[in-house]
Amino acid sequence: MAAAASGALVVLRTLTFTLLALVAFASNSLLARFSLGTGAIDAATFTAIRLLAGAAVLVALVRIRDGTWKALRGGGVLGPISLFVYAVPFSLAYVRIGAAVGALVLFGVVQLTMVGYGLASGERPSLRTWAGLALATGGLVLLTAPAATRPDPLGVALMAIAGVAWAVYTLAGRSSREPVAANARNFMWSSPLALLVVLAAPGAIVADTSGVLLALVSGGVTSGLGYVLWYRALPRLSVTQAAVAQVGVPVIAAAGAVALLGEPLSLRLLLAGAAVLGGIWLLLSRLRQTATS
């Protein structure tokens, strides 16, 4: 009885961390598209502020928790490099394409990369998992296909690069025992690279007050803290589960655009949202069975 209760608590915690992380990822798309699409800040400056803000928040959390800097040592180069390779194209892409198309390309590529890695590593998804994958992907196509017919090719290519890099970052984070310290190291060591991009970027720096504030929120809250939550959930998710769960981000982003940006709520959005979330439920219900047993 105690083991079953403990298993249920683990599942509840995993689902909560996963949902909060997905909301944070969707918020990043909204913040980036709003600030970059309106010209409130340039892409290079947005990226640098975002990474610096994430580093400041996460390093402070490590210092407050441990009272020392030891956890920030080491960690390798894969995390910082993959974070940097994700963050720069992500910002550049949102100058050229809309939030719906960007979310489709980003998390579609993430999903394909991670599922492909899982299959190559010998993971064999169950029939329920394949059904969840098909239902979630079908809902995503229903939501974004009209907007994705003629996207800007360079914007799509940049977001695809960001998607592969984010998948690598996620896979690298699955083995982390200290998610706060791991993310702090990654943000800390990727920030100087982003500053070099600001110095090397052609044209003048553009950064009004609203653009800077949005970049700070994106870095310190929806990126830094969001990634910590995601790292907390990852050890309880298989590669395929982690991939398909992220398909919900475009739906959450679309709902946020309706609520915050005044975009119309269509029947298509409702149907697509139900399909994607239904697919994720099928996927994570497998997690519940595994944890309870």
Protein backbone atom coordinates (compact mmCIF):
# COMPACT_ATOMS: atom_id res chain seq x y z
CA MET A 1 0.00 0.00 0.00
CA ALA A 2 2.79 2.39 0.97
CA ALA A 3 4.67 1.51 -2.24
CA ALA A 4 1.59 2.26 -4.34
CA ALA A 5 1.08 5.61 -2.60
CA SER A 6 4.74 6.46 -3.10
CA GLY A 7 4.51 5.52 -6.78
CA ALA A 8 1.41 7.68 -7.24
CA LEU A 9 3.18 10.64 -5.61
CA VAL A 10 6.14 10.24 -7.97
CA VAL A 11 3.81 10.17 -10.96
CA LEU A 12 1.93 13.26 -9.77
CA ARG A 13 5.18 15.14 -9.26
CA THR A 14 6.43 14.11 -12.70
CA LEU A 15 3.22 15.18 -14.42
CA THR A 16 3.22 18.52 -12.57
CA PHE A 17 6.84 19.28 -13.48
CA THR A 18 6.16 18.28 -17.09
CA LEU A 19 3.10 20.50 -17.42
CA LEU A 20 4.78 23.54 -15.84
CA ALA A 21 7.82 23.06 -18.08
CA LEU A 22 5.64 22.89 -21.21
CA VAL A 23 3.87 26.11 -20.18
CA ALA A 24 7.28 27.76 -19.72
CA PHE A 25 8.43 26.62 -23.18
CA ALA A 26 5.24 27.95 -24.77
CA SER A 27 5.71 31.26 -22.95
CA ASN A 28 9.19 31.51 -24.46
CA SER A 29 7.72 31.34 -27.95
CA LEU A 30 5.18 34.04 -27.12
CA LEU A 31 7.74 36.33 -25.47
CA ALA A 32 10.26 35.90 -28.28
CA ARG A 33 7.79 36.38 -31.11
CA PHE A 34 6.16 39.42 -29.49
CA SER A 35 9.42 41.21 -28.73
CA LEU A 36 11.28 40.27 -31.91
CA GLY A 37 8.28 40.56 -34.23
CA THR A 38 7.52 44.08 -33.06
CA GLY A 39 11.16 45.16 -33.35
CA ALA A 40 11.45 45.95 -29.64
CA ILE A 41 14.85 44.22 -29.57
CA ASP A 42 17.22 42.62 -32.06
CA ALA A 43 17.72 38.86 -32.11
CA ALA A 44 21.35 38.82 -30.94
CA THR A 45 20.69 41.12 -27.97
CA PHE A 46 17.56 39.18 -27.01
CA THR A 47 19.57 35.94 -26.99
CA ALA A 48 22.41 37.41 -24.92
CA ILE A 49 20.09 38.93 -22.31
CA ARG A 50 18.05 35.75 -22.17
CA LEU A 51 21.08 33.55 -21.47
CA LEU A 52 22.64 36.03 -19.02
CA ALA A 53 19.37 36.35 -17.07
CA GLY A 54 18.99 32.58 -16.94
CA ALA A 55 22.58 32.23 -15.72
CA ALA A 56 22.11 34.88 -13.01
CA VAL A 57 18.95 33.26 -11.61
CA LEU A 58 20.28 29.71 -11.70
CA VAL A 59 23.72 30.53 -10.27
CA ALA A 60 22.00 32.44 -7.44
CA LEU A 61 19.80 29.41 -6.71
CA VAL A 62 22.82 27.12 -6.55
CA ARG A 63 24.68 29.53 -4.26
CA ILE A 64 21.68 29.95 -1.92
CA ARG A 65 21.06 26.21 -1.78
CA ASP A 66 24.64 24.99 -1.34
CA GLY A 67 26.41 28.00 0.12
CA THR A 68 29.29 27.26 -2.24
CA TRP A 69 30.24 27.42 -5.93
CA LYS A 70 31.51 23.83 -6.16
CA ALA A 71 28.46 22.51 -8.05
CA LEU A 72 29.19 24.93 -10.90
CA ARG A 73 32.50 23.29 -11.74
CA GLY A 74 32.93 20.80 -14.57
CA GLY A 75 29.96 19.50 -16.50
CA GLY A 76 31.45 19.19 -19.99
CA VAL A 77 30.80 21.23 -23.14
CA LEU A 78 27.80 19.45 -24.69
CA GLY A 79 25.24 21.29 -22.54
CA PRO A 80 26.51 24.85 -23.11
CA ILE A 81 27.15 24.29 -26.83
CA SER A 82 23.75 22.72 -27.52
CA LEU A 83 22.01 25.47 -25.52
CA PHE A 84 23.84 28.15 -27.52
CA VAL A 85 23.13 26.44 -30.86
CA TYR A 86 19.45 26.29 -29.89
CA ALA A 87 19.09 29.84 -28.54
CA VAL A 88 20.64 31.83 -31.41
CA PRO A 89 18.69 30.28 -34.34
CA PHE A 90 15.53 30.33 -32.19
CA SER A 91 15.73 34.12 -31.89
CA LEU A 92 16.75 34.68 -35.51
CA ALA A 93 13.88 32.49 -36.74
CA TYR A 94 11.23 34.41 -34.80
CA VAL A 95 12.18 37.56 -36.66
CA ARG A 96 11.06 35.86 -39.89
CA ILE A 97 8.23 33.42 -39.03
CA GLY A 98 5.15 33.46 -36.81
CA ALA A 99 4.70 31.75 -33.48
CA ALA A 100 2.52 28.91 -34.80
CA VAL A 101 4.87 27.99 -37.65
CA GLY A 102 7.90 28.33 -35.38
CA ALA A 103 6.43 26.09 -32.70
CA LEU A 104 5.44 23.49 -35.31
CA VAL A 105 8.92 23.35 -36.82
CA LEU A 106 10.77 23.51 -33.50
CA PHE A 107 8.91 20.82 -31.62
CA GLY A 108 8.27 18.73 -34.72
CA VAL A 109 12.03 18.49 -35.26
CA VAL A 110 12.59 17.91 -31.53
CA GLN A 111 10.09 15.07 -31.59
CA LEU A 112 11.55 13.42 -34.68
CA THR A 113 15.13 13.74 -33.40
CA MET A 114 14.34 12.27 -29.99
CA VAL A 115 12.13 9.45 -31.27
CA GLY A 116 14.80 8.62 -33.85
CA TYR A 117 17.43 8.55 -31.11
CA GLY A 118 15.22 6.32 -28.97
CA LEU A 119 14.70 3.85 -31.81
CA ALA A 120 18.41 3.86 -32.65
CA SER A 121 19.17 3.14 -28.98
CA GLY A 122 16.94 0.09 -28.97
CA GLU A 123 13.81 1.62 -27.41
CA ARG A 124 10.64 -0.05 -28.71
CA PRO A 125 7.53 2.05 -28.03
CA SER A 126 4.31 0.23 -27.18
CA LEU A 127 1.20 0.34 -29.34
CA ARG A 128 -0.33 2.85 -26.91
CA THR A 129 2.72 5.08 -27.31
CA TRP A 130 2.49 4.93 -31.12
CA ALA A 131 -1.21 5.77 -30.88
CA GLY A 132 -0.41 8.76 -28.67
CA LEU A 133 2.30 9.86 -31.09
CA ALA A 134 -0.06 9.59 -34.08
CA LEU A 135 -2.93 11.41 -32.34
CA ALA A 136 -0.71 14.22 -31.03
CA THR A 137 1.04 14.69 -34.38
CA GLY A 138 -2.28 14.67 -36.24
CA GLY A 139 -3.62 17.38 -33.95
CA LEU A 140 -0.48 19.42 -34.46
CA VAL A 141 -0.80 19.18 -38.24
CA LEU A 142 -4.46 20.17 -38.00
CA LEU A 143 -3.53 23.22 -35.95
CA THR A 144 -0.66 24.54 -38.02
CA ALA A 145 -0.91 23.20 -41.58
CA PRO A 146 -2.68 26.31 -43.03
CA ALA A 147 0.03 28.58 -41.59
CA ALA A 148 2.84 26.28 -42.66
CA THR A 149 2.06 26.18 -46.39
CA ARG A 150 4.36 29.08 -47.34
CA PRO A 151 6.69 29.81 -44.41
CA ASP A 152 9.90 31.74 -44.89
CA PRO A 153 12.50 29.09 -45.89
CA LEU A 154 15.39 30.65 -43.96
CA GLY A 155 13.22 31.05 -40.86
CA VAL A 156 12.17 27.40 -41.08
CA ALA A 157 15.78 26.25 -41.54
CA LEU A 158 16.93 28.26 -38.53
CA MET A 159 14.14 26.84 -36.36
CA ALA A 160 14.95 23.31 -37.53
CA ILE A 161 18.55 23.79 -36.37
CA ALA A 162 17.22 25.04 -33.03
CA GLY A 163 15.01 21.94 -32.79
CA VAL A 164 17.90 19.52 -33.26
CA ALA A 165 19.99 21.43 -30.71
CA TRP A 166 17.13 21.45 -28.19
CA ALA A 167 16.71 17.68 -28.62
CA VAL A 168 20.43 17.21 -27.91
CA TYR A 169 20.14 19.48 -24.85
CA THR A 170 17.17 17.47 -23.59
CA LEU A 171 18.90 14.13 -24.13
CA ALA A 172 22.02 15.38 -22.35
CA GLY A 173 19.85 16.51 -19.42
CA ARG A 174 18.24 13.12 -18.86
CA SER A 175 21.30 11.84 -17.01
CA SER A 176 21.76 14.92 -14.82
CA ARG A 177 21.54 14.34 -11.07
CA GLU A 178 21.65 18.07 -10.24
CA PRO A 179 19.33 19.87 -12.69
CA VAL A 180 19.70 23.32 -11.12
CA ALA A 181 23.50 23.19 -11.17
CA ALA A 182 23.56 21.61 -14.64
CA ASN A 183 21.38 24.33 -16.12
CA ALA A 184 23.34 27.02 -14.26
CA ARG A 185 26.59 25.77 -15.78
CA ASN A 186 25.05 25.57 -19.24
CA PHE A 187 23.62 29.10 -19.13
CA MET A 188 26.79 30.49 -17.54
CA TRP A 189 29.16 29.09 -20.20
CA SER A 190 26.88 29.77 -23.18
CA SER A 191 26.42 33.45 -22.25
CA PRO A 192 29.91 34.59 -23.40
CA LEU A 193 29.27 32.96 -26.78
CA ALA A 194 26.01 34.91 -27.09
CA LEU A 195 27.82 38.15 -26.24
CA LEU A 196 30.29 37.45 -29.05
CA VAL A 197 27.33 37.14 -31.42
CA VAL A 198 26.12 40.60 -30.32
CA LEU A 199 29.55 42.06 -31.07
CA ALA A 200 29.79 40.28 -34.42
CA ALA A 201 26.23 40.97 -35.59
CA PRO A 202 25.92 43.62 -38.32
CA GLY A 203 23.90 46.77 -37.64
CA ALA A 204 23.17 48.76 -34.52
CA ILE A 205 21.91 47.22 -31.29
CA VAL A 206 18.16 47.65 -30.86
CA ALA A 207 16.78 47.24 -27.33
CA ASP A 208 13.98 49.34 -25.88
CA THR A 209 12.68 48.91 -22.33
CA SER A 210 9.93 46.44 -23.20
CA GLY A 211 12.28 44.30 -25.28
CA VAL A 212 14.85 44.10 -22.49
CA LEU A 213 12.20 43.24 -19.88
CA LEU A 214 10.73 40.49 -22.08
CA ALA A 215 14.21 39.05 -22.65
CA LEU A 216 14.87 39.09 -18.89
CA VAL A 217 11.62 37.23 -18.16
CA SER A 218 12.34 34.77 -20.96
CA GLY A 219 15.80 34.06 -19.56
CA GLY A 220 15.30 34.16 -15.81
CA VAL A 221 11.83 32.65 -15.50
CA THR A 222 10.53 30.75 -18.53
CA SER A 223 13.96 29.50 -19.62
CA GLY A 224 16.06 29.09 -16.47
CA LEU A 225 13.40 27.90 -14.06
CA GLY A 226 11.46 26.15 -16.84
CA TYR A 227 14.49 24.06 -17.77
CA VAL A 228 15.00 23.08 -14.13
CA LEU A 229 11.44 21.73 -14.01
CA TRP A 230 12.00 19.89 -17.28
CA TYR A 231 15.21 18.32 -15.98
CA ARG A 232 13.30 17.21 -12.88
CA ALA A 233 10.74 15.40 -15.01
CA LEU A 234 13.13 13.87 -17.55
CA PRO A 235 14.49 10.97 -15.45
CA ARG A 236 10.93 9.56 -15.17
CA LEU A 237 10.22 9.91 -18.90
CA SER A 238 11.46 7.68 -21.70
CA VAL A 239 12.97 9.37 -24.74
CA THR A 240 9.74 8.83 -26.69
CA GLN A 241 7.58 10.14 -23.83
CA ALA A 242 9.72 13.26 -23.52
CA ALA A 243 9.51 13.81 -27.27
CA VAL A 244 5.75 13.49 -27.58
CA ALA A 245 5.02 15.50 -24.42
CA GLN A 246 6.67 18.51 -26.06
CA VAL A 247 4.16 18.36 -28.92
CA GLY A 248 1.75 20.06 -26.50
CA VAL A 249 3.83 23.25 -26.50
CA PRO A 250 2.40 24.69 -29.78
CA VAL A 251 -1.12 24.12 -28.48
CA ILE A 252 -0.35 25.89 -25.21
CA ALA A 253 1.32 28.69 -27.16
CA ALA A 254 -1.73 29.07 -29.38
CA ALA A 255 -4.00 29.21 -26.33
CA GLY A 256 -1.75 31.87 -24.82
CA ALA A 257 -1.92 33.89 -28.02
CA VAL A 258 -5.72 33.78 -27.87
CA ALA A 259 -5.84 34.84 -24.22
CA LEU A 260 -3.03 37.39 -24.19
CA LEU A 261 -2.73 38.67 -27.74
CA GLY A 262 -6.40 38.68 -28.67
CA GLU A 263 -6.17 36.13 -31.48
CA PRO A 264 -9.52 34.48 -32.40
CA LEU A 265 -10.45 31.13 -30.87
CA SER A 266 -11.45 28.82 -33.73
CA LEU A 267 -13.09 25.41 -33.80
CA ARG A 268 -9.96 24.09 -35.50
CA LEU A 269 -7.85 25.24 -32.55
CA LEU A 270 -10.18 23.52 -30.10
CA LEU A 271 -10.18 20.24 -32.06
CA ALA A 272 -6.42 20.28 -32.56
CA GLY A 273 -5.82 21.05 -28.90
CA ALA A 274 -8.05 18.16 -27.85
CA ALA A 275 -6.19 15.78 -30.20
CA VAL A 276 -2.71 16.82 -29.05
CA LEU A 277 -3.55 16.73 -25.35
CA GLY A 278 -5.36 13.41 -25.84
CA GLY A 279 -2.24 11.96 -27.45
CA ILE A 280 -0.10 13.20 -24.57
CA TRP A 281 -2.53 11.64 -22.08
CA LEU A 282 -2.18 8.27 -23.84
CA LEU A 283 1.57 8.60 -23.68
CA LEU A 284 1.82 9.61 -20.02
CA SER A 285 -0.79 7.08 -18.91
CA ARG A 286 1.84 4.50 -19.81
CA LEU A 287 4.18 6.28 -17.39
CA ARG A 288 1.54 5.99 -14.65
CA GLN A 289 1.21 2.23 -15.19
CA THR A 290 4.98 1.73 -15.10
CA ALA A 291 5.51 3.79 -11.94
CA THR A 292 2.66 2.17 -10.01
CA SER A 293 3.77 -1.34 -10.86
